[in-house]
Amino acid sequence: MANIQRFDPFGELARFDPFGDMNDFFKGFALRPVFRGVEAEPQIKVDVSEDKGTYTVKAEVPGVRKEDIKVSIDGNRVSITAELKKEKEEKEGQKVIRSERYYGRASRMFTLDAEIDQAGAKARYVDGVLELSLPKKAGSTAKELPIG
């Protein structure tokens, strides 16, 4: 013989505590990323090193042609901008199953301690890494002011 339980429609309401533990309210509620399957916006990751006369900047800009990268220097401010174009198409026979395109721009701007000699600055792009050699401008040393 099967176990028979009596259903009490008001039993759950009697145990409900509106000001109780709110964790029970969210129990089993899974928060999922809204953009599941969509790639994150590309970012330019930068390493900056310094020796006594030059800054060396290495920026990761994978999958971009060197013609689509722009570097500008204004005093001690460096700006790197890259135009990104990504096209991905999956075919099954002659029928297109899925086609994804991404067009956008990634940029990174940062400020260095000393001004840059723009005439001596050099840029090189190899295997997705942009390397900048930025010589410091002569006579732009920092001066510490004594506090009186």
N, C-alpha and C. Protein backbone atom coordinates (compact mmCIF):
# COMPACT_ATOMS: atom_id res chain seq x y z
N MET A 1 0.84 -1.17 0.00
CA MET A 1 0.00 0.00 0.00
C MET A 1 0.89 1.24 0.00
N ALA A 2 0.51 2.26 -0.73
CA ALA A 2 1.28 3.50 -0.86
C ALA A 2 1.05 4.40 0.34
N ASN A 3 2.09 5.17 0.66
CA ASN A 3 1.95 6.16 1.75
C ASN A 3 1.09 7.30 1.24
N ILE A 4 0.12 7.65 2.00
CA ILE A 4 -0.77 8.75 1.64
C ILE A 4 -0.48 9.91 2.56
N GLN A 5 -0.28 11.10 1.92
CA GLN A 5 -0.04 12.31 2.70
C GLN A 5 -1.19 13.26 2.46
N ARG A 6 -1.56 13.93 3.50
CA ARG A 6 -2.61 14.91 3.40
C ARG A 6 -1.99 16.25 2.96
N PHE A 7 -2.58 16.89 1.98
CA PHE A 7 -2.11 18.18 1.49
C PHE A 7 -2.73 19.29 2.31
N ASP A 8 -1.87 20.17 2.83
CA ASP A 8 -2.33 21.32 3.62
C ASP A 8 -1.97 22.58 2.85
N PRO A 9 -2.92 23.23 2.18
CA PRO A 9 -2.61 24.40 1.36
C PRO A 9 -2.11 25.61 2.16
N PHE A 10 -2.40 25.67 3.44
CA PHE A 10 -1.98 26.81 4.25
C PHE A 10 -0.74 26.50 5.08
N GLY A 11 -0.23 25.31 4.96
CA GLY A 11 0.94 24.92 5.75
C GLY A 11 2.19 25.71 5.36
N GLU A 12 2.38 25.94 4.09
CA GLU A 12 3.55 26.71 3.64
C GLU A 12 3.43 28.17 4.06
N LEU A 13 2.25 28.73 4.02
CA LEU A 13 2.06 30.12 4.41
C LEU A 13 2.33 30.33 5.90
N ALA A 14 1.99 29.36 6.71
CA ALA A 14 2.20 29.49 8.15
C ALA A 14 3.70 29.53 8.47
N ARG A 15 4.52 28.87 7.64
CA ARG A 15 5.96 28.87 7.89
C ARG A 15 6.68 30.02 7.20
N PHE A 16 5.98 30.79 6.39
CA PHE A 16 6.61 31.88 5.64
C PHE A 16 6.96 33.02 6.59
N ASP A 17 8.23 33.44 6.56
CA ASP A 17 8.70 34.56 7.36
C ASP A 17 9.24 35.62 6.40
N PRO A 18 8.49 36.69 6.15
CA PRO A 18 8.92 37.67 5.15
C PRO A 18 10.23 38.40 5.51
N PHE A 19 10.58 38.42 6.79
CA PHE A 19 11.80 39.12 7.19
C PHE A 19 12.89 38.15 7.61
N GLY A 20 12.74 36.90 7.26
CA GLY A 20 13.71 35.87 7.64
C GLY A 20 14.92 35.90 6.73
N ASP A 21 15.55 34.80 6.65
CA ASP A 21 16.78 34.66 5.89
C ASP A 21 16.48 34.81 4.39
N MET A 22 17.04 35.81 3.77
CA MET A 22 16.80 36.05 2.35
C MET A 22 17.55 35.05 1.48
N ASN A 23 18.51 34.33 2.03
CA ASN A 23 19.22 33.33 1.24
C ASN A 23 18.28 32.23 0.76
N ASP A 24 17.24 31.93 1.56
CA ASP A 24 16.28 30.92 1.14
C ASP A 24 15.50 31.38 -0.09
N PHE A 25 15.29 32.68 -0.20
CA PHE A 25 14.55 33.22 -1.33
C PHE A 25 15.30 32.97 -2.64
N PHE A 26 16.65 33.14 -2.59
CA PHE A 26 17.45 32.99 -3.80
C PHE A 26 18.01 31.58 -3.97
N LYS A 27 17.61 30.67 -3.12
CA LYS A 27 18.11 29.30 -3.19
C LYS A 27 17.70 28.67 -4.52
N GLY A 28 18.68 28.13 -5.22
CA GLY A 28 18.40 27.50 -6.49
C GLY A 28 18.27 28.46 -7.65
N PHE A 29 18.38 29.75 -7.38
CA PHE A 29 18.29 30.75 -8.43
C PHE A 29 19.69 30.98 -8.97
N ALA A 30 19.96 30.53 -10.17
CA ALA A 30 21.31 30.64 -10.74
C ALA A 30 21.41 31.89 -11.59
N LEU A 31 22.40 32.71 -11.31
CA LEU A 31 22.67 33.88 -12.13
C LEU A 31 23.61 33.46 -13.25
N ARG A 32 23.17 33.64 -14.46
CA ARG A 32 23.99 33.26 -15.60
C ARG A 32 24.44 34.52 -16.32
N PRO A 33 25.61 34.46 -16.97
CA PRO A 33 26.05 35.62 -17.74
C PRO A 33 25.04 35.93 -18.85
N VAL A 34 24.78 37.20 -19.03
CA VAL A 34 23.81 37.62 -20.03
C VAL A 34 24.34 37.32 -21.43
N PHE A 35 25.64 37.52 -21.63
CA PHE A 35 26.22 37.36 -22.95
C PHE A 35 26.98 36.04 -23.07
N ARG A 36 26.35 34.96 -22.69
CA ARG A 36 26.99 33.65 -22.78
C ARG A 36 27.29 33.34 -24.24
N GLY A 37 28.52 32.93 -24.50
CA GLY A 37 28.91 32.59 -25.86
C GLY A 37 29.42 33.77 -26.66
N VAL A 38 29.23 34.99 -26.17
CA VAL A 38 29.72 36.17 -26.86
C VAL A 38 31.09 36.50 -26.29
N GLU A 39 32.03 36.77 -27.18
CA GLU A 39 33.38 37.07 -26.71
C GLU A 39 33.40 38.43 -26.02
N ALA A 40 34.28 38.55 -25.04
CA ALA A 40 34.41 39.80 -24.32
C ALA A 40 35.06 40.85 -25.22
N GLU A 41 34.80 42.09 -24.90
CA GLU A 41 35.40 43.17 -25.67
C GLU A 41 36.92 43.08 -25.56
N PRO A 42 37.61 43.14 -26.68
CA PRO A 42 39.05 42.99 -26.64
C PRO A 42 39.71 44.14 -25.91
N GLN A 43 40.75 43.83 -25.19
CA GLN A 43 41.50 44.84 -24.46
C GLN A 43 42.96 44.75 -24.85
N ILE A 44 43.65 45.87 -24.83
CA ILE A 44 45.07 45.90 -25.12
C ILE A 44 45.81 45.81 -23.80
N LYS A 45 46.56 44.75 -23.61
CA LYS A 45 47.33 44.57 -22.39
C LYS A 45 48.72 45.12 -22.62
N VAL A 46 49.24 45.87 -21.63
CA VAL A 46 50.48 46.62 -21.81
C VAL A 46 51.47 46.30 -20.70
N ASP A 47 52.74 46.13 -21.08
CA ASP A 47 53.86 46.05 -20.13
C ASP A 47 54.75 47.25 -20.41
N VAL A 48 55.09 48.01 -19.37
CA VAL A 48 55.96 49.17 -19.52
C VAL A 48 57.18 48.98 -18.63
N SER A 49 58.34 49.12 -19.23
CA SER A 49 59.58 49.06 -18.46
C SER A 49 60.39 50.32 -18.75
N GLU A 50 61.33 50.61 -17.86
CA GLU A 50 62.08 51.86 -17.97
C GLU A 50 63.54 51.61 -17.63
N ASP A 51 64.41 52.21 -18.42
CA ASP A 51 65.81 52.31 -18.01
C ASP A 51 66.12 53.79 -17.93
N LYS A 52 67.37 54.17 -17.75
CA LYS A 52 67.65 55.58 -17.47
C LYS A 52 67.30 56.54 -18.58
N GLY A 53 67.24 56.09 -19.84
CA GLY A 53 66.94 57.05 -20.90
C GLY A 53 65.75 56.70 -21.77
N THR A 54 65.15 55.54 -21.57
CA THR A 54 64.10 55.07 -22.50
C THR A 54 63.02 54.27 -21.78
N TYR A 55 61.79 54.47 -22.24
CA TYR A 55 60.69 53.60 -21.85
C TYR A 55 60.52 52.55 -22.94
N THR A 56 60.24 51.32 -22.55
CA THR A 56 59.93 50.26 -23.49
C THR A 56 58.52 49.77 -23.18
N VAL A 57 57.67 49.81 -24.20
CA VAL A 57 56.28 49.41 -24.04
C VAL A 57 56.04 48.20 -24.93
N LYS A 58 55.47 47.15 -24.35
CA LYS A 58 55.05 45.98 -25.12
C LYS A 58 53.54 45.85 -24.95
N ALA A 59 52.83 45.92 -26.06
CA ALA A 59 51.36 45.87 -26.03
C ALA A 59 50.89 44.67 -26.85
N GLU A 60 49.99 43.87 -26.27
CA GLU A 60 49.42 42.73 -26.97
C GLU A 60 48.25 43.20 -27.82
N VAL A 61 48.39 43.04 -29.14
CA VAL A 61 47.33 43.40 -30.07
C VAL A 61 47.21 42.27 -31.09
N PRO A 62 46.74 41.09 -30.66
CA PRO A 62 46.71 39.94 -31.57
C PRO A 62 45.62 40.04 -32.62
N GLY A 63 45.91 39.47 -33.79
CA GLY A 63 44.91 39.40 -34.85
C GLY A 63 44.62 40.69 -35.55
N VAL A 64 45.50 41.67 -35.43
CA VAL A 64 45.30 42.98 -36.05
C VAL A 64 46.44 43.22 -37.03
N ARG A 65 46.11 43.76 -38.20
CA ARG A 65 47.17 44.12 -39.14
C ARG A 65 47.87 45.38 -38.66
N LYS A 66 49.15 45.49 -38.95
CA LYS A 66 49.90 46.66 -38.45
C LYS A 66 49.39 47.97 -39.05
N GLU A 67 48.73 47.90 -40.23
CA GLU A 67 48.16 49.11 -40.84
C GLU A 67 46.96 49.62 -40.04
N ASP A 68 46.37 48.76 -39.21
CA ASP A 68 45.19 49.14 -38.43
C ASP A 68 45.53 49.60 -37.02
N ILE A 69 46.83 49.76 -36.71
CA ILE A 69 47.26 50.21 -35.38
C ILE A 69 47.76 51.64 -35.50
N LYS A 70 47.29 52.49 -34.60
CA LYS A 70 47.74 53.88 -34.54
C LYS A 70 48.31 54.17 -33.16
N VAL A 71 49.47 54.81 -33.14
CA VAL A 71 50.10 55.21 -31.88
C VAL A 71 50.30 56.71 -31.93
N SER A 72 49.86 57.40 -30.89
CA SER A 72 50.10 58.85 -30.83
C SER A 72 50.75 59.19 -29.49
N ILE A 73 51.65 60.18 -29.56
CA ILE A 73 52.39 60.62 -28.38
C ILE A 73 52.18 62.12 -28.24
N ASP A 74 51.75 62.54 -27.06
CA ASP A 74 51.55 63.95 -26.77
C ASP A 74 52.20 64.25 -25.42
N GLY A 75 53.42 64.76 -25.46
CA GLY A 75 54.14 65.03 -24.22
C GLY A 75 54.51 63.74 -23.54
N ASN A 76 53.88 63.46 -22.41
CA ASN A 76 54.14 62.21 -21.69
C ASN A 76 52.94 61.24 -21.78
N ARG A 77 51.99 61.55 -22.63
CA ARG A 77 50.79 60.71 -22.81
C ARG A 77 50.93 59.88 -24.08
N VAL A 78 50.71 58.56 -23.94
CA VAL A 78 50.81 57.64 -25.06
C VAL A 78 49.43 57.01 -25.28
N SER A 79 49.02 56.96 -26.53
CA SER A 79 47.72 56.39 -26.88
C SER A 79 47.92 55.36 -27.98
N ILE A 80 47.36 54.16 -27.78
CA ILE A 80 47.42 53.08 -28.76
C ILE A 80 45.98 52.73 -29.13
N THR A 81 45.68 52.75 -30.43
CA THR A 81 44.34 52.43 -30.92
C THR A 81 44.46 51.40 -32.02
N ALA A 82 43.60 50.39 -32.01
CA ALA A 82 43.61 49.35 -33.02
C ALA A 82 42.20 49.12 -33.54
N GLU A 83 42.07 49.07 -34.87
CA GLU A 83 40.80 48.74 -35.52
C GLU A 83 40.72 47.22 -35.64
N LEU A 84 39.69 46.64 -35.08
CA LEU A 84 39.55 45.19 -35.06
C LEU A 84 38.48 44.75 -36.04
N LYS A 85 38.81 43.74 -36.83
CA LYS A 85 37.86 43.17 -37.76
C LYS A 85 37.98 41.67 -37.63
N LYS A 86 36.89 41.03 -37.26
CA LYS A 86 36.91 39.58 -37.11
C LYS A 86 35.70 39.01 -37.82
N GLU A 87 35.96 38.06 -38.69
CA GLU A 87 34.88 37.39 -39.40
C GLU A 87 35.07 35.90 -39.24
N LYS A 88 34.01 35.22 -38.86
CA LYS A 88 34.04 33.78 -38.68
C LYS A 88 32.80 33.20 -39.32
N GLU A 89 33.01 32.22 -40.15
CA GLU A 89 31.88 31.62 -40.85
C GLU A 89 32.02 30.11 -40.80
N GLU A 90 30.96 29.45 -40.40
CA GLU A 90 30.95 27.99 -40.35
C GLU A 90 30.01 27.48 -41.43
N LYS A 91 30.55 26.61 -42.29
CA LYS A 91 29.75 26.09 -43.41
C LYS A 91 29.57 24.59 -43.27
N GLU A 92 28.47 24.15 -43.76
CA GLU A 92 28.21 22.72 -43.84
C GLU A 92 27.80 22.46 -45.30
N GLY A 93 28.74 21.96 -46.08
CA GLY A 93 28.50 21.85 -47.52
C GLY A 93 28.53 23.24 -48.11
N GLN A 94 27.49 23.63 -48.82
CA GLN A 94 27.38 24.98 -49.37
C GLN A 94 26.44 25.86 -48.57
N LYS A 95 25.85 25.30 -47.54
CA LYS A 95 24.89 26.03 -46.72
C LYS A 95 25.61 26.67 -45.53
N VAL A 96 25.40 27.96 -45.30
CA VAL A 96 26.02 28.65 -44.16
C VAL A 96 25.19 28.34 -42.92
N ILE A 97 25.84 27.77 -41.93
CA ILE A 97 25.17 27.41 -40.69
C ILE A 97 25.22 28.58 -39.71
N ARG A 98 26.39 29.20 -39.59
CA ARG A 98 26.52 30.32 -38.66
C ARG A 98 27.57 31.28 -39.20
N SER A 99 27.32 32.57 -39.06
CA SER A 99 28.25 33.59 -39.50
C SER A 99 28.34 34.66 -38.42
N GLU A 100 29.55 34.93 -37.97
CA GLU A 100 29.75 35.95 -36.93
C GLU A 100 30.73 36.99 -37.44
N ARG A 101 30.42 38.23 -37.15
CA ARG A 101 31.32 39.33 -37.52
C ARG A 101 31.46 40.25 -36.34
N TYR A 102 32.68 40.77 -36.19
CA TYR A 102 32.93 41.74 -35.14
C TYR A 102 33.79 42.84 -35.72
N TYR A 103 33.31 44.03 -35.62
CA TYR A 103 34.07 45.19 -36.03
C TYR A 103 34.07 46.15 -34.85
N GLY A 104 35.24 46.62 -34.51
CA GLY A 104 35.29 47.53 -33.38
C GLY A 104 36.65 48.16 -33.23
N ARG A 105 36.83 48.79 -32.11
CA ARG A 105 38.07 49.50 -31.83
C ARG A 105 38.46 49.24 -30.39
N ALA A 106 39.74 48.96 -30.21
CA ALA A 106 40.28 48.82 -28.86
C ALA A 106 41.31 49.93 -28.70
N SER A 107 41.34 50.52 -27.52
CA SER A 107 42.32 51.59 -27.30
C SER A 107 42.83 51.53 -25.88
N ARG A 108 44.01 52.07 -25.72
CA ARG A 108 44.65 52.13 -24.40
C ARG A 108 45.43 53.42 -24.33
N MET A 109 45.26 54.16 -23.25
CA MET A 109 45.97 55.41 -23.06
C MET A 109 46.59 55.39 -21.68
N PHE A 110 47.83 55.87 -21.58
CA PHE A 110 48.49 55.94 -20.28
C PHE A 110 49.46 57.10 -20.28
N THR A 111 49.85 57.51 -19.08
CA THR A 111 50.74 58.65 -18.90
C THR A 111 52.03 58.16 -18.25
N LEU A 112 53.16 58.62 -18.78
CA LEU A 112 54.47 58.27 -18.24
C LEU A 112 55.00 59.43 -17.41
N ASP A 113 56.03 59.17 -16.61
CA ASP A 113 56.57 60.21 -15.73
C ASP A 113 57.28 61.32 -16.50
N ALA A 114 58.03 60.96 -17.53
CA ALA A 114 58.82 61.96 -18.28
C ALA A 114 58.21 62.16 -19.66
N GLU A 115 58.47 63.33 -20.26
CA GLU A 115 58.01 63.59 -21.62
C GLU A 115 58.83 62.75 -22.60
N ILE A 116 58.21 62.43 -23.72
CA ILE A 116 58.81 61.56 -24.72
C ILE A 116 59.38 62.40 -25.86
N ASP A 117 60.58 62.03 -26.33
CA ASP A 117 61.18 62.64 -27.51
C ASP A 117 60.55 61.97 -28.72
N GLN A 118 59.58 62.66 -29.34
CA GLN A 118 58.81 62.05 -30.43
C GLN A 118 59.67 61.73 -31.64
N ALA A 119 60.72 62.52 -31.87
CA ALA A 119 61.58 62.30 -33.04
C ALA A 119 62.35 60.98 -32.92
N GLY A 120 62.67 60.54 -31.72
CA GLY A 120 63.44 59.31 -31.52
C GLY A 120 62.59 58.09 -31.23
N ALA A 121 61.28 58.24 -31.17
CA ALA A 121 60.40 57.12 -30.84
C ALA A 121 60.34 56.14 -32.01
N LYS A 122 60.32 54.84 -31.67
CA LYS A 122 60.27 53.79 -32.69
C LYS A 122 59.19 52.78 -32.31
N ALA A 123 58.55 52.22 -33.34
CA ALA A 123 57.52 51.21 -33.14
C ALA A 123 57.79 50.01 -34.04
N ARG A 124 57.51 48.81 -33.49
CA ARG A 124 57.69 47.57 -34.24
C ARG A 124 56.56 46.62 -33.87
N TYR A 125 55.99 45.93 -34.86
CA TYR A 125 54.88 45.01 -34.62
C TYR A 125 55.24 43.64 -35.17
N VAL A 126 55.39 42.66 -34.28
CA VAL A 126 55.75 41.30 -34.67
C VAL A 126 54.92 40.31 -33.87
N ASP A 127 54.28 39.37 -34.56
CA ASP A 127 53.53 38.27 -33.95
C ASP A 127 52.50 38.73 -32.91
N GLY A 128 51.76 39.79 -33.21
CA GLY A 128 50.70 40.24 -32.32
C GLY A 128 51.15 41.11 -31.16
N VAL A 129 52.45 41.44 -31.12
CA VAL A 129 52.97 42.27 -30.04
C VAL A 129 53.55 43.55 -30.63
N LEU A 130 53.03 44.68 -30.18
CA LEU A 130 53.53 45.99 -30.57
C LEU A 130 54.59 46.40 -29.56
N GLU A 131 55.78 46.71 -30.03
CA GLU A 131 56.86 47.13 -29.14
C GLU A 131 57.24 48.56 -29.47
N LEU A 132 57.16 49.41 -28.47
CA LEU A 132 57.50 50.82 -28.62
C LEU A 132 58.77 51.11 -27.85
N SER A 133 59.68 51.86 -28.47
CA SER A 133 60.86 52.35 -27.80
C SER A 133 60.71 53.86 -27.72
N LEU A 134 60.51 54.37 -26.51
CA LEU A 134 60.18 55.78 -26.32
C LEU A 134 61.28 56.47 -25.50
N PRO A 135 62.20 57.18 -26.19
CA PRO A 135 63.26 57.87 -25.44
C PRO A 135 62.71 59.07 -24.67
N LYS A 136 63.28 59.29 -23.50
CA LYS A 136 62.85 60.43 -22.69
C LYS A 136 63.45 61.71 -23.28
N LYS A 137 62.68 62.77 -23.19
CA LYS A 137 63.14 64.06 -23.69
C LYS A 137 64.19 64.62 -22.74
N ALA A 138 65.26 65.13 -23.30
CA ALA A 138 66.34 65.69 -22.48
C ALA A 138 65.86 66.91 -21.72
N GLY A 139 66.27 67.02 -20.49
CA GLY A 139 65.91 68.18 -19.67
C GLY A 139 64.54 68.09 -19.03
N SER A 140 63.91 66.96 -19.08
CA SER A 140 62.59 66.85 -18.46
C SER A 140 62.65 65.99 -17.20
N THR A 141 63.66 66.23 -16.40
CA THR A 141 63.79 65.47 -15.15
C THR A 141 62.86 66.07 -14.10
N ALA A 142 62.40 65.21 -13.24
CA ALA A 142 61.52 65.66 -12.17
C ALA A 142 62.32 66.38 -11.11
N LYS A 143 61.73 67.39 -10.55
CA LYS A 143 62.40 68.16 -9.51
C LYS A 143 61.58 68.04 -8.22
N GLU A 144 62.26 67.70 -7.16
CA GLU A 144 61.58 67.59 -5.89
C GLU A 144 61.67 68.92 -5.16
N LEU A 145 60.54 69.41 -4.73
CA LEU A 145 60.49 70.70 -4.03
C LEU A 145 60.58 70.46 -2.52
N PRO A 146 61.47 71.20 -1.87
CA PRO A 146 61.52 71.08 -0.41
C PRO A 146 60.30 71.73 0.22
N ILE A 147 59.83 71.16 1.28
CA ILE A 147 58.67 71.70 1.97
C ILE A 147 59.17 72.49 3.17
N GLY A 148 58.79 73.76 3.21
CA GLY A 148 59.30 74.64 4.26
C GLY A 148 58.33 74.85 5.38
